[in-house]
Amino acid sequence: MNILFWALWWVVAAGTLVFFYFFFAGLTDGSVSGFNFGIWTGIVIGFPALLAATYWLKLHGWVKLALLLLSIPALPMVGYLIFLIAAVVLHPRWN
């Protein structure tokens, strides 16, 4: 269960870095504006808080709860990664 925790934790950590990249890129090009700044603030604060909270839960013996919380964002991230890999490998026709 320890390997599964760290695998999910690193998937969410990588996704968090992607969100940070798009947040700062959006700040520079103006696509992050007052209209959607609240949503971005929730994402930029929420994902690192989730990583910290699940690590704290794991340290205190609540591994199953930590896995449950990590699986909520990790499963869509892994699904999207599988989609991207399939799109690159299979060279589908999109028309």
C-alpha atoms as a PDB file:
ATOM      1  CA  MET A   1       0.000   0.000   0.000  1.00  0.00           C
ATOM      2  CA  ASN A   2       3.023   2.220   0.503  1.00  0.00           C
ATOM      3  CA  ILE A   3       3.974   2.008  -3.189  1.00  0.00           C
ATOM      4  CA  LEU A   4       0.431   2.849  -4.264  1.00  0.00           C
ATOM      5  CA  PHE A   5       0.401   5.892  -1.976  1.00  0.00           C
ATOM      6  CA  TRP A   6       3.654   7.232  -3.385  1.00  0.00           C
ATOM      7  CA  ALA A   7       2.617   6.522  -6.974  1.00  0.00           C
ATOM      8  CA  LEU A   8      -0.623   8.456  -6.525  1.00  0.00           C
ATOM      9  CA  TRP A   9       1.152  11.182  -4.574  1.00  0.00           C
ATOM     10  CA  TRP A  10       3.699  11.730  -7.351  1.00  0.00           C
ATOM     11  CA  VAL A  11       0.972  11.744 -10.016  1.00  0.00           C
ATOM     12  CA  VAL A  12      -0.873  14.480  -8.132  1.00  0.00           C
ATOM     13  CA  ALA A  13       2.403  16.334  -7.515  1.00  0.00           C
ATOM     14  CA  ALA A  14       3.167  16.294 -11.251  1.00  0.00           C
ATOM     15  CA  GLY A  15      -0.353  17.495 -12.011  1.00  0.00           C
ATOM     16  CA  THR A  16       0.108  20.278  -9.450  1.00  0.00           C
ATOM     17  CA  LEU A  17       3.248  21.415 -11.240  1.00  0.00           C
ATOM     18  CA  VAL A  18       1.308  21.512 -14.511  1.00  0.00           C
ATOM     19  CA  PHE A  19      -1.363  23.660 -12.862  1.00  0.00           C
ATOM     20  CA  PHE A  20       1.316  25.990 -11.512  1.00  0.00           C
ATOM     21  CA  TYR A  21       2.850  26.306 -14.975  1.00  0.00           C
ATOM     22  CA  PHE A  22      -0.470  27.218 -16.578  1.00  0.00           C
ATOM     23  CA  PHE A  23      -1.272  29.625 -13.732  1.00  0.00           C
ATOM     24  CA  PHE A  24       1.961  31.570 -14.120  1.00  0.00           C
ATOM     25  CA  ALA A  25       1.779  31.431 -17.911  1.00  0.00           C
ATOM     26  CA  GLY A  26      -1.776  32.756 -17.664  1.00  0.00           C
ATOM     27  CA  LEU A  27      -0.632  35.580 -15.425  1.00  0.00           C
ATOM     28  CA  THR A  28       1.946  36.657 -17.989  1.00  0.00           C
ATOM     29  CA  ASP A  29      -0.347  36.507 -21.028  1.00  0.00           C
ATOM     30  CA  GLY A  30      -3.435  37.852 -19.263  1.00  0.00           C
ATOM     31  CA  SER A  31      -5.660  34.798 -19.516  1.00  0.00           C
ATOM     32  CA  VAL A  32      -5.790  34.576 -15.714  1.00  0.00           C
ATOM     33  CA  SER A  33      -7.866  37.627 -14.929  1.00  0.00           C
ATOM     34  CA  GLY A  34     -10.221  38.865 -12.256  1.00  0.00           C
ATOM     35  CA  PHE A  35     -12.990  36.771 -13.798  1.00  0.00           C
ATOM     36  CA  ASN A  36     -11.323  33.419 -13.130  1.00  0.00           C
ATOM     37  CA  PHE A  37      -8.761  34.359 -10.480  1.00  0.00           C
ATOM     38  CA  GLY A  38     -10.838  32.789  -7.706  1.00  0.00           C
ATOM     39  CA  ILE A  39     -10.895  29.436  -9.458  1.00  0.00           C
ATOM     40  CA  TRP A  40      -7.160  29.557 -10.057  1.00  0.00           C
ATOM     41  CA  THR A  41      -6.530  30.565  -6.453  1.00  0.00           C
ATOM     42  CA  GLY A  42      -8.506  27.540  -5.282  1.00  0.00           C
ATOM     43  CA  ILE A  43      -6.502  25.250  -7.541  1.00  0.00           C
ATOM     44  CA  VAL A  44      -3.111  26.754  -6.639  1.00  0.00           C
ATOM     45  CA  ILE A  45      -3.847  26.546  -2.902  1.00  0.00           C
ATOM     46  CA  GLY A  46      -5.924  23.352  -2.944  1.00  0.00           C
ATOM     47  CA  PHE A  47      -3.594  20.904  -4.641  1.00  0.00           C
ATOM     48  CA  PRO A  48      -0.520  21.620  -2.478  1.00  0.00           C
ATOM     49  CA  ALA A  49      -2.809  21.516   0.577  1.00  0.00           C
ATOM     50  CA  LEU A  50      -4.095  18.124  -0.592  1.00  0.00           C
ATOM     51  CA  LEU A  51      -0.534  16.842  -0.962  1.00  0.00           C
ATOM     52  CA  ALA A  52       0.411  18.100   2.499  1.00  0.00           C
ATOM     53  CA  ALA A  53      -2.759  16.727   4.090  1.00  0.00           C
ATOM     54  CA  THR A  54      -2.381  13.274   2.577  1.00  0.00           C
ATOM     55  CA  TYR A  55       1.269  13.123   3.617  1.00  0.00           C
ATOM     56  CA  TRP A  56       0.232  14.078   7.155  1.00  0.00           C
ATOM     57  CA  LEU A  57      -2.480  11.409   7.116  1.00  0.00           C
ATOM     58  CA  LYS A  58       0.037   8.802   5.983  1.00  0.00           C
ATOM     59  CA  LEU A  59       2.464   9.754   8.743  1.00  0.00           C
ATOM     60  CA  HIS A  60      -0.271   9.357  11.340  1.00  0.00           C
ATOM     61  CA  GLY A  61      -1.475   5.953  10.140  1.00  0.00           C
ATOM     62  CA  TRP A  62      -4.513   6.966   8.070  1.00  0.00           C
ATOM     63  CA  VAL A  63      -3.167   5.494   4.837  1.00  0.00           C
ATOM     64  CA  LYS A  64      -6.524   4.344   3.457  1.00  0.00           C
ATOM     65  CA  LEU A  65      -8.053   7.793   3.896  1.00  0.00           C
ATOM     66  CA  ALA A  66      -4.979   9.351   2.280  1.00  0.00           C
ATOM     67  CA  LEU A  67      -5.317   6.956  -0.671  1.00  0.00           C
ATOM     68  CA  LEU A  68      -8.994   7.812  -1.015  1.00  0.00           C
ATOM     69  CA  LEU A  69      -8.270  11.543  -1.083  1.00  0.00           C
ATOM     70  CA  LEU A  70      -5.378  11.123  -3.525  1.00  0.00           C
ATOM     71  CA  SER A  71      -7.369   8.924  -5.883  1.00  0.00           C
ATOM     72  CA  ILE A  72      -9.948  11.664  -6.530  1.00  0.00           C
ATOM     73  CA  PRO A  73      -7.607  13.872  -8.611  1.00  0.00           C
ATOM     74  CA  ALA A  74      -5.115  11.136  -9.562  1.00  0.00           C
ATOM     75  CA  LEU A  75      -7.505   8.920 -11.523  1.00  0.00           C
ATOM     76  CA  PRO A  76      -8.563  11.624 -14.024  1.00  0.00           C
ATOM     77  CA  MET A  77      -4.912  12.680 -14.366  1.00  0.00           C
ATOM     78  CA  VAL A  78      -3.842   9.123 -15.177  1.00  0.00           C
ATOM     79  CA  GLY A  79      -6.748   8.749 -17.607  1.00  0.00           C
ATOM     80  CA  TYR A  80      -5.710  11.905 -19.441  1.00  0.00           C
ATOM     81  CA  LEU A  81      -2.098  10.711 -19.532  1.00  0.00           C
ATOM     82  CA  ILE A  82      -3.218   7.414 -21.088  1.00  0.00           C
ATOM     83  CA  PHE A  83      -5.226   9.381 -23.661  1.00  0.00           C
ATOM     84  CA  LEU A  84      -2.188  11.512 -24.571  1.00  0.00           C
ATOM     85  CA  ILE A  85       0.069   8.479 -24.877  1.00  0.00           C
ATOM     86  CA  ALA A  86      -2.487   6.730 -27.088  1.00  0.00           C
ATOM     87  CA  ALA A  87      -2.812   9.828 -29.280  1.00  0.00           C
ATOM     88  CA  VAL A  88       0.941  10.003 -29.771  1.00  0.00           C
ATOM     89  CA  VAL A  89       1.500   6.282 -30.321  1.00  0.00           C
ATOM     90  CA  LEU A  90      -1.543   5.427 -32.460  1.00  0.00           C
ATOM     91  CA  HIS A  91      -1.507   8.522 -34.715  1.00  0.00           C
ATOM     92  CA  PRO A  92      -5.305   8.683 -34.991  1.00  0.00           C
ATOM     93  CA  ARG A  93      -7.141  10.563 -37.704  1.00  0.00           C
ATOM     94  CA  TRP A  94      -9.246  13.246 -36.057  1.00  0.00           C
ATOM     95  CA  ASN A  95     -11.522  14.013 -38.992  1.00  0.00           C
END
